[in-house]
Amino acid sequence: MTSDLFPGHYHLVAVKTASLNSYSNPNHAWAKMLAEARVMKFLDDLPSVPRVFGVFRQGDICCMVQEFIGNTFSLSSTTFLDVLRTGQPSLSALECISMTSEVVIALNEMHKRGILHNDVAARNILIHHDGTSYRAKLTDFGMACRVEYPRGNRKVIFSSMDEVIQYMDNHPEVAPEKYIDGACDSVSGDVYSIGYGIRIVGVAIRHSDMVEFGKACACFDAEDRPSLDWVINILDIYKEKEKSNPKCQGINGP
C-alpha cells in the first residue's frame, strides 16, 4: 500500500481483521480495535513495537493496518513461540537473550508511559531479521489498558488444589492473583508474564541461571517480583557472559 506519511513510497503491511458479526455488540468490537490502534500509535516510536498506519471498516469487517513483521520473501511471520518449539530459525543463546531483553525494555517503557500490556506471551512476540540480526517485536495490544484504570478479572472458584494446578498449567503466563483473587491488571502482572517467558527461553537454550531468574520473576507473591529495570540489568549480565563464550549454544544445541 502507498503511504500518506512518505508519498511515493510503498510499505509491506499486515492487516488485522475482526468480523463485527461475531460480536454481540459490533460497536464495541470497533471501539476495541480503535483503542488498540491508539495504544500502538502511542508506542510506535519504540523499536520493539510495530508501527500502525490506520484502521478502517469495510462492510461487517473492521481492519487495522500495521507494519509487516516477518520474512518479506515468503510473506510469513514467525513468533518467538514458534522458534522455541521448532528451533527454526536456528538462533544462538545470545540472540534469544537479546530478543528477550528487547521485549522487556519495550514493556518497561510502556509501564513508564502508563500502559499495561496484559497479554505478554511468546505467541505475541514476532521475530524478524533486520539485515544485521534477529529482532523481536511485541504485538497484540488488544488487552492493554491504562495503569490508573486497570481492568478487573474474574475470580475462578476452585474445588480442589488439583484444579488450581490444572488452571495454572493451562494459563502459565497469567499471574495467579488474577484468577485466584480476581485482582486487577497491574505492572506486577506483566512482570509475572515476562518472567514465565524468560523461564521458557532459559529452558530452550539450556541456561539454568535464566530459568531460575524467570521463576523468581514469576513468583506467586506479586510483591516479591522484581522491577523491570532489575530484569533488564540481569539480562544484560547474561548477554555479556554469552558474548565472551565463543561456543555459545543455541536452541538446536552447541
C-alpha atoms as a PDB file:
ATOM      1  CA  MET A   1       0.000   0.000   0.000  1.00  0.00           C
ATOM      2  CA  THR A   2       1.128   3.591  -0.520  1.00  0.00           C
ATOM      3  CA  SER A   3       1.941   5.706   2.482  1.00  0.00           C
ATOM      4  CA  ASP A   4       0.485   9.076   3.391  1.00  0.00           C
ATOM      5  CA  LEU A   5       3.496   9.548   5.657  1.00  0.00           C
ATOM      6  CA  PHE A   6       6.015   9.021   2.863  1.00  0.00           C
ATOM      7  CA  PRO A   7       4.358   9.847  -0.501  1.00  0.00           C
ATOM      8  CA  GLY A   8       5.597   7.707  -3.351  1.00  0.00           C
ATOM      9  CA  HIS A   9       6.929   5.001  -1.021  1.00  0.00           C
ATOM     10  CA  TYR A  10       5.461   1.558  -0.534  1.00  0.00           C
ATOM     11  CA  HIS A  11       5.216  -0.456   2.648  1.00  0.00           C
ATOM     12  CA  LEU A  12       4.577  -4.142   3.108  1.00  0.00           C
ATOM     13  CA  VAL A  13       1.819  -4.272   5.702  1.00  0.00           C
ATOM     14  CA  ALA A  14      -0.190  -6.743   7.758  1.00  0.00           C
ATOM     15  CA  VAL A  15      -3.933  -6.275   8.161  1.00  0.00           C
ATOM     16  CA  LYS A  16      -5.548  -7.450  11.376  1.00  0.00           C
ATOM     17  CA  THR A  17      -9.254  -8.104  10.877  1.00  0.00           C
ATOM     18  CA  ALA A  18     -12.266  -8.763  13.073  1.00  0.00           C
ATOM     19  CA  SER A  19     -15.787  -9.663  11.993  1.00  0.00           C
ATOM     20  CA  LEU A  20     -18.322  -7.385  13.632  1.00  0.00           C
ATOM     21  CA  ASN A  21     -20.967 -10.094  13.229  1.00  0.00           C
ATOM     22  CA  SER A  22     -19.109 -12.315  15.684  1.00  0.00           C
ATOM     23  CA  TYR A  23     -19.711  -9.801  18.497  1.00  0.00           C
ATOM     24  CA  SER A  24     -22.967  -9.236  20.354  1.00  0.00           C
ATOM     25  CA  ASN A  25     -22.164  -5.520  20.229  1.00  0.00           C
ATOM     26  CA  PRO A  26     -20.476  -4.641  16.892  1.00  0.00           C
ATOM     27  CA  ASN A  27     -19.780  -1.085  18.021  1.00  0.00           C
ATOM     28  CA  HIS A  28     -17.842  -2.466  20.968  1.00  0.00           C
ATOM     29  CA  ALA A  29     -15.646  -4.515  18.606  1.00  0.00           C
ATOM     30  CA  TRP A  30     -14.922  -1.443  16.504  1.00  0.00           C
ATOM     31  CA  ALA A  31     -14.166   0.642  19.601  1.00  0.00           C
ATOM     32  CA  LYS A  32     -11.813  -2.078  20.874  1.00  0.00           C
ATOM     33  CA  MET A  33      -9.816  -2.080  17.630  1.00  0.00           C
ATOM     34  CA  LEU A  34      -9.633   1.709  17.660  1.00  0.00           C
ATOM     35  CA  ALA A  35      -8.348   1.594  21.237  1.00  0.00           C
ATOM     36  CA  GLU A  36      -5.697  -0.990  20.318  1.00  0.00           C
ATOM     37  CA  ALA A  37      -4.559   1.140  17.375  1.00  0.00           C
ATOM     38  CA  ARG A  38      -4.309   4.222  19.581  1.00  0.00           C
ATOM     39  CA  VAL A  39      -2.117   2.356  22.076  1.00  0.00           C
ATOM     40  CA  MET A  40       0.179   1.131  19.298  1.00  0.00           C
ATOM     41  CA  LYS A  41       0.377   4.616  17.796  1.00  0.00           C
ATOM     42  CA  PHE A  42       1.280   5.988  21.223  1.00  0.00           C
ATOM     43  CA  LEU A  43       4.136   3.479  21.420  1.00  0.00           C
ATOM     44  CA  ASP A  44       5.259   3.174  17.807  1.00  0.00           C
ATOM     45  CA  ASP A  45       8.439   5.168  18.383  1.00  0.00           C
ATOM     46  CA  LEU A  46       9.680   2.154  20.355  1.00  0.00           C
ATOM     47  CA  PRO A  47      11.793  -0.176  18.181  1.00  0.00           C
ATOM     48  CA  SER A  48      10.129  -3.300  19.591  1.00  0.00           C
ATOM     49  CA  VAL A  49       6.543  -2.207  18.848  1.00  0.00           C
ATOM     50  CA  PRO A  50       5.124  -2.463  15.291  1.00  0.00           C
ATOM     51  CA  ARG A  51       4.041   0.738  13.592  1.00  0.00           C
ATOM     52  CA  VAL A  52       0.336   1.162  12.917  1.00  0.00           C
ATOM     53  CA  PHE A  53      -0.807   3.032   9.801  1.00  0.00           C
ATOM     54  CA  GLY A  54      -4.565   3.208  10.294  1.00  0.00           C
ATOM     55  CA  VAL A  55      -7.906   1.495  10.839  1.00  0.00           C
ATOM     56  CA  PHE A  56     -10.986   1.228   8.641  1.00  0.00           C
ATOM     57  CA  ARG A  57     -14.282  -0.606   8.286  1.00  0.00           C
ATOM     58  CA  GLN A  58     -15.362  -2.496   5.204  1.00  0.00           C
ATOM     59  CA  GLY A  59     -18.853  -3.889   5.493  1.00  0.00           C
ATOM     60  CA  ASP A  60     -19.012  -6.013   8.630  1.00  0.00           C
ATOM     61  CA  ILE A  61     -15.212  -6.284   8.844  1.00  0.00           C
ATOM     62  CA  CYS A  62     -13.021  -3.866  10.789  1.00  0.00           C
ATOM     63  CA  CYS A  63      -9.336  -3.741   9.902  1.00  0.00           C
ATOM     64  CA  MET A  64      -6.123  -2.390  11.369  1.00  0.00           C
ATOM     65  CA  VAL A  65      -3.200  -1.824   9.024  1.00  0.00           C
ATOM     66  CA  GLN A  66       0.180  -2.234  10.657  1.00  0.00           C
ATOM     67  CA  GLU A  67       3.808  -2.865   9.864  1.00  0.00           C
ATOM     68  CA  PHE A  68       4.510  -6.343   8.490  1.00  0.00           C
ATOM     69  CA  ILE A  69       6.913  -8.255  10.725  1.00  0.00           C
ATOM     70  CA  GLY A  70       8.398 -11.346   9.153  1.00  0.00           C
ATOM     71  CA  ASN A  71      10.029 -12.780   6.059  1.00  0.00           C
ATOM     72  CA  THR A  72       9.405 -10.384   3.172  1.00  0.00           C
ATOM     73  CA  PHE A  73      10.175 -13.078   0.593  1.00  0.00           C
ATOM     74  CA  SER A  74       7.878 -15.851   1.862  1.00  0.00           C
ATOM     75  CA  LEU A  75       5.431 -13.333   3.381  1.00  0.00           C
ATOM     76  CA  SER A  76       5.334 -15.450   6.536  1.00  0.00           C
ATOM     77  CA  SER A  77       5.578 -14.372  10.147  1.00  0.00           C
ATOM     78  CA  THR A  78       7.254 -16.267  12.964  1.00  0.00           C
ATOM     79  CA  THR A  79       6.508 -15.941  16.642  1.00  0.00           C
ATOM     80  CA  PHE A  80       9.036 -16.437  19.406  1.00  0.00           C
ATOM     81  CA  LEU A  81       6.903 -19.407  20.474  1.00  0.00           C
ATOM     82  CA  ASP A  82       7.376 -20.977  17.022  1.00  0.00           C
ATOM     83  CA  VAL A  83      11.143 -20.642  17.433  1.00  0.00           C
ATOM     84  CA  LEU A  84      11.140 -22.161  20.912  1.00  0.00           C
ATOM     85  CA  ARG A  85       9.029 -25.105  19.743  1.00  0.00           C
ATOM     86  CA  THR A  86      10.748 -25.877  16.435  1.00  0.00           C
ATOM     87  CA  GLY A  87      14.255 -24.456  16.756  1.00  0.00           C
ATOM     88  CA  GLN A  88      13.764 -22.669  13.443  1.00  0.00           C
ATOM     89  CA  PRO A  89      15.270 -20.365  12.511  1.00  0.00           C
ATOM     90  CA  SER A  90      18.360 -21.576  14.325  1.00  0.00           C
ATOM     91  CA  LEU A  91      19.281 -18.938  16.895  1.00  0.00           C
ATOM     92  CA  SER A  92      22.142 -18.680  19.334  1.00  0.00           C
ATOM     93  CA  ALA A  93      21.579 -18.265  23.045  1.00  0.00           C
ATOM     94  CA  LEU A  94      22.867 -14.694  22.725  1.00  0.00           C
ATOM     95  CA  GLU A  95      20.245 -13.902  20.083  1.00  0.00           C
ATOM     96  CA  CYS A  96      17.471 -15.381  22.226  1.00  0.00           C
ATOM     97  CA  ILE A  97      18.561 -13.451  25.317  1.00  0.00           C
ATOM     98  CA  SER A  98      18.945 -10.245  23.301  1.00  0.00           C
ATOM     99  CA  MET A  99      15.440 -10.503  21.845  1.00  0.00           C
ATOM    100  CA  THR A 100      14.012 -11.246  25.283  1.00  0.00           C
ATOM    101  CA  SER A 101      15.762  -8.137  26.573  1.00  0.00           C
ATOM    102  CA  GLU A 102      14.305  -6.048  23.730  1.00  0.00           C
ATOM    103  CA  VAL A 103      10.800  -7.054  24.736  1.00  0.00           C
ATOM    104  CA  VAL A 104      11.456  -6.306  28.415  1.00  0.00           C
ATOM    105  CA  ILE A 105      12.827  -2.865  27.518  1.00  0.00           C
ATOM    106  CA  ALA A 106       9.702  -2.133  25.456  1.00  0.00           C
ATOM    107  CA  LEU A 107       7.427  -3.349  28.251  1.00  0.00           C
ATOM    108  CA  ASN A 108       9.294  -1.254  30.797  1.00  0.00           C
ATOM    109  CA  GLU A 109       8.862   1.852  28.653  1.00  0.00           C
ATOM    110  CA  MET A 110       5.162   1.049  28.231  1.00  0.00           C
ATOM    111  CA  HIS A 111       4.764   0.995  32.002  1.00  0.00           C
ATOM    112  CA  LYS A 112       6.609   4.305  32.348  1.00  0.00           C
ATOM    113  CA  ARG A 113       4.135   5.779  29.860  1.00  0.00           C
ATOM    114  CA  GLY A 114       1.240   4.432  31.909  1.00  0.00           C
ATOM    115  CA  ILE A 115       0.244   1.436  29.752  1.00  0.00           C
ATOM    116  CA  LEU A 116      -0.193  -2.219  30.773  1.00  0.00           C
ATOM    117  CA  HIS A 117       0.014  -4.876  28.075  1.00  0.00           C
ATOM    118  CA  ASN A 118      -1.827  -7.662  29.955  1.00  0.00           C
ATOM    119  CA  ASP A 119      -1.107 -10.370  27.377  1.00  0.00           C
ATOM    120  CA  VAL A 120       2.666 -10.756  27.250  1.00  0.00           C
ATOM    121  CA  ALA A 121       3.444 -14.188  25.831  1.00  0.00           C
ATOM    122  CA  ALA A 122       5.860 -15.788  23.376  1.00  0.00           C
ATOM    123  CA  ARG A 123       2.951 -16.248  20.948  1.00  0.00           C
ATOM    124  CA  ASN A 124       2.550 -12.453  20.874  1.00  0.00           C
ATOM    125  CA  ILE A 125       6.182 -11.728  20.038  1.00  0.00           C
ATOM    126  CA  LEU A 126       7.135 -11.667  16.355  1.00  0.00           C
ATOM    127  CA  ILE A 127      10.732 -12.034  15.222  1.00  0.00           C
ATOM    128  CA  HIS A 128      12.352 -10.751  12.065  1.00  0.00           C
ATOM    129  CA  HIS A 129      15.812 -10.208  10.606  1.00  0.00           C
ATOM    130  CA  ASP A 130      16.700  -6.563  10.018  1.00  0.00           C
ATOM    131  CA  GLY A 131      19.631  -7.373   7.740  1.00  0.00           C
ATOM    132  CA  THR A 132      22.088  -7.478  10.613  1.00  0.00           C
ATOM    133  CA  SER A 133      20.494  -9.562  13.347  1.00  0.00           C
ATOM    134  CA  TYR A 134      17.218 -11.004  14.568  1.00  0.00           C
ATOM    135  CA  ARG A 135      14.894  -8.601  16.359  1.00  0.00           C
ATOM    136  CA  ALA A 136      11.736  -9.037  18.410  1.00  0.00           C
ATOM    137  CA  LYS A 137       8.518  -7.026  18.324  1.00  0.00           C
ATOM    138  CA  LEU A 138       5.798  -7.184  20.962  1.00  0.00           C
ATOM    139  CA  THR A 139       2.340  -7.391  19.384  1.00  0.00           C
ATOM    140  CA  ASP A 140      -1.348  -7.862  20.226  1.00  0.00           C
ATOM    141  CA  PHE A 141      -2.306  -4.873  22.355  1.00  0.00           C
ATOM    142  CA  GLY A 142      -5.999  -5.749  22.423  1.00  0.00           C
ATOM    143  CA  MET A 143      -5.990  -6.244  26.195  1.00  0.00           C
ATOM    144  CA  ALA A 144      -3.873  -3.187  27.004  1.00  0.00           C
ATOM    145  CA  CYS A 145      -5.149  -0.594  29.443  1.00  0.00           C
ATOM    146  CA  ARG A 146      -4.024   2.427  31.409  1.00  0.00           C
ATOM    147  CA  VAL A 147      -2.180   1.756  34.652  1.00  0.00           C
ATOM    148  CA  GLU A 148      -4.544   4.057  36.523  1.00  0.00           C
ATOM    149  CA  TYR A 149      -7.636   2.378  35.031  1.00  0.00           C
ATOM    150  CA  PRO A 150      -6.834  -1.339  35.327  1.00  0.00           C
ATOM    151  CA  ARG A 151      -9.210  -3.985  34.104  1.00  0.00           C
ATOM    152  CA  GLY A 152     -10.786  -6.247  36.695  1.00  0.00           C
ATOM    153  CA  ASN A 153     -10.518 -10.022  36.359  1.00  0.00           C
ATOM    154  CA  ARG A 154     -12.989 -12.795  37.045  1.00  0.00           C
ATOM    155  CA  LYS A 155     -12.245 -14.779  40.166  1.00  0.00           C
ATOM    156  CA  VAL A 156     -12.275 -18.503  39.433  1.00  0.00           C
ATOM    157  CA  ILE A 157     -13.772 -20.788  42.055  1.00  0.00           C
ATOM    158  CA  PHE A 158     -11.735 -23.966  42.509  1.00  0.00           C
ATOM    159  CA  SER A 159     -12.942 -27.045  44.361  1.00  0.00           C
ATOM    160  CA  SER A 160      -9.525 -28.589  44.843  1.00  0.00           C
ATOM    161  CA  MET A 161      -5.818 -27.860  44.610  1.00  0.00           C
ATOM    162  CA  ASP A 162      -5.656 -30.148  41.578  1.00  0.00           C
ATOM    163  CA  GLU A 163      -7.998 -27.759  39.760  1.00  0.00           C
ATOM    164  CA  VAL A 164      -5.766 -24.823  40.678  1.00  0.00           C
ATOM    165  CA  ILE A 165      -2.706 -26.630  39.308  1.00  0.00           C
ATOM    166  CA  GLN A 166      -4.529 -27.583  36.119  1.00  0.00           C
ATOM    167  CA  TYR A 167      -5.661 -23.998  35.563  1.00  0.00           C
ATOM    168  CA  MET A 168      -2.121 -22.729  36.113  1.00  0.00           C
ATOM    169  CA  ASP A 169      -0.802 -25.286  33.610  1.00  0.00           C
ATOM    170  CA  ASN A 170      -3.368 -24.132  31.027  1.00  0.00           C
ATOM    171  CA  HIS A 171      -2.703 -20.410  31.633  1.00  0.00           C
ATOM    172  CA  PRO A 172       1.008 -20.300  32.502  1.00  0.00           C
ATOM    173  CA  GLU A 173       1.557 -16.635  31.571  1.00  0.00           C
ATOM    174  CA  VAL A 174      -1.307 -15.334  33.726  1.00  0.00           C
ATOM    175  CA  ALA A 175      -0.441 -14.045  37.193  1.00  0.00           C
ATOM    176  CA  PRO A 176      -2.245 -16.259  39.760  1.00  0.00           C
ATOM    177  CA  GLU A 177      -3.692 -13.337  41.743  1.00  0.00           C
ATOM    178  CA  LYS A 178      -5.860 -12.503  38.727  1.00  0.00           C
ATOM    179  CA  TYR A 179      -7.855 -15.726  38.797  1.00  0.00           C
ATOM    180  CA  ILE A 180      -7.438 -16.747  42.442  1.00  0.00           C
ATOM    181  CA  ASP A 181      -8.289 -13.339  43.954  1.00  0.00           C
ATOM    182  CA  GLY A 182      -9.864 -11.565  40.978  1.00  0.00           C
ATOM    183  CA  ALA A 183      -7.128  -8.928  41.227  1.00  0.00           C
ATOM    184  CA  CYS A 184      -6.973  -6.128  38.688  1.00  0.00           C
ATOM    185  CA  ASP A 185      -4.356  -5.979  35.957  1.00  0.00           C
ATOM    186  CA  SER A 186      -1.093  -4.495  37.193  1.00  0.00           C
ATOM    187  CA  VAL A 187       2.575  -3.880  36.492  1.00  0.00           C
ATOM    188  CA  SER A 188       3.412  -6.940  38.601  1.00  0.00           C
ATOM    189  CA  GLY A 189       1.041  -8.993  36.458  1.00  0.00           C
ATOM    190  CA  ASP A 190       3.045  -8.063  33.351  1.00  0.00           C
ATOM    191  CA  VAL A 191       6.260  -8.879  35.246  1.00  0.00           C
ATOM    192  CA  TYR A 192       4.872 -12.346  36.013  1.00  0.00           C
ATOM    193  CA  SER A 193       4.098 -12.898  32.329  1.00  0.00           C
ATOM    194  CA  ILE A 194       7.543 -11.832  31.136  1.00  0.00           C
ATOM    195  CA  GLY A 195       9.078 -13.923  33.916  1.00  0.00           C
ATOM    196  CA  TYR A 196       7.379 -17.011  32.546  1.00  0.00           C
ATOM    197  CA  GLY A 197       8.729 -16.103  29.113  1.00  0.00           C
ATOM    198  CA  ILE A 198      12.251 -15.704  30.489  1.00  0.00           C
ATOM    199  CA  ARG A 199      11.977 -19.149  32.065  1.00  0.00           C
ATOM    200  CA  ILE A 200      10.898 -20.938  28.881  1.00  0.00           C
ATOM    201  CA  VAL A 201      13.638 -19.196  26.885  1.00  0.00           C
ATOM    202  CA  GLY A 202      16.128 -20.351  29.513  1.00  0.00           C
ATOM    203  CA  VAL A 203      14.834 -23.910  29.200  1.00  0.00           C
ATOM    204  CA  ALA A 204      15.109 -23.785  25.406  1.00  0.00           C
ATOM    205  CA  ILE A 205      18.732 -22.598  25.422  1.00  0.00           C
ATOM    206  CA  ARG A 206      19.638 -24.683  28.477  1.00  0.00           C
ATOM    207  CA  HIS A 207      20.562 -21.652  30.576  1.00  0.00           C
ATOM    208  CA  SER A 208      19.966 -22.717  34.181  1.00  0.00           C
ATOM    209  CA  ASP A 209      20.531 -19.257  35.699  1.00  0.00           C
ATOM    210  CA  MET A 210      17.973 -17.763  33.302  1.00  0.00           C
ATOM    211  CA  VAL A 211      15.480 -20.486  34.181  1.00  0.00           C
ATOM    212  CA  GLU A 212      15.798 -19.740  37.897  1.00  0.00           C
ATOM    213  CA  PHE A 213      15.630 -15.989  37.332  1.00  0.00           C
ATOM    214  CA  GLY A 214      12.475 -16.438  35.273  1.00  0.00           C
ATOM    215  CA  LYS A 215      10.951 -18.392  38.148  1.00  0.00           C
ATOM    216  CA  ALA A 216      11.828 -15.560  40.541  1.00  0.00           C
ATOM    217  CA  CYS A 217      10.127 -13.018  38.265  1.00  0.00           C
ATOM    218  CA  ALA A 218       7.060 -15.243  38.044  1.00  0.00           C
ATOM    219  CA  CYS A 219       6.841 -15.977  41.754  1.00  0.00           C
ATOM    220  CA  PHE A 220       3.448 -16.472  43.371  1.00  0.00           C
ATOM    221  CA  ASP A 221       3.560 -13.395  45.598  1.00  0.00           C
ATOM    222  CA  ALA A 222       3.158 -10.253  43.464  1.00  0.00           C
ATOM    223  CA  GLU A 223       5.045  -8.109  45.984  1.00  0.00           C
ATOM    224  CA  ASP A 224       8.170 -10.246  45.628  1.00  0.00           C
ATOM    225  CA  ARG A 225       8.504  -9.805  41.856  1.00  0.00           C
ATOM    226  CA  PRO A 226      11.416  -7.615  40.748  1.00  0.00           C
ATOM    227  CA  SER A 227      11.173  -4.349  38.836  1.00  0.00           C
ATOM    228  CA  LEU A 228      11.684  -4.470  35.078  1.00  0.00           C
ATOM    229  CA  ASP A 229      14.740  -2.208  35.486  1.00  0.00           C
ATOM    230  CA  TRP A 230      16.284  -5.008  37.534  1.00  0.00           C
ATOM    231  CA  VAL A 231      15.214  -7.613  34.967  1.00  0.00           C
ATOM    232  CA  ILE A 232      16.924  -5.616  32.210  1.00  0.00           C
ATOM    233  CA  ASN A 233      20.126  -5.428  34.269  1.00  0.00           C
ATOM    234  CA  ILE A 234      20.194  -9.186  34.829  1.00  0.00           C
ATOM    235  CA  LEU A 235      19.574  -9.935  31.139  1.00  0.00           C
ATOM    236  CA  ASP A 236      22.420  -7.548  30.276  1.00  0.00           C
ATOM    237  CA  ILE A 237      24.705  -9.630  32.503  1.00  0.00           C
ATOM    238  CA  TYR A 238      23.611 -12.821  30.719  1.00  0.00           C
ATOM    239  CA  LYS A 239      24.271 -11.200  27.338  1.00  0.00           C
ATOM    240  CA  GLU A 240      27.779 -10.141  28.313  1.00  0.00           C
ATOM    241  CA  LYS A 241      28.574 -13.661  29.521  1.00  0.00           C
ATOM    242  CA  GLU A 242      27.332 -15.146  26.242  1.00  0.00           C
ATOM    243  CA  LYS A 243      29.435 -12.675  24.215  1.00  0.00           C
ATOM    244  CA  SER A 244      32.537 -13.998  25.957  1.00  0.00           C
ATOM    245  CA  ASN A 245      31.549 -17.585  25.176  1.00  0.00           C
ATOM    246  CA  PRO A 246      32.876 -18.495  21.704  1.00  0.00           C
ATOM    247  CA  LYS A 247      30.802 -21.717  21.657  1.00  0.00           C
ATOM    248  CA  CYS A 248      27.529 -20.095  22.600  1.00  0.00           C
ATOM    249  CA  GLN A 249      24.891 -22.801  22.320  1.00  0.00           C
ATOM    250  CA  GLY A 250      21.500 -22.139  20.813  1.00  0.00           C
ATOM    251  CA  ILE A 251      18.147 -23.821  20.699  1.00  0.00           C
ATOM    252  CA  ASN A 252      19.384 -26.539  18.354  1.00  0.00           C
ATOM    253  CA  GLY A 253      22.402 -27.427  20.500  1.00  0.00           C
ATOM    254  CA  PRO A 254      26.015 -26.335  20.983  1.00  0.00           C
END
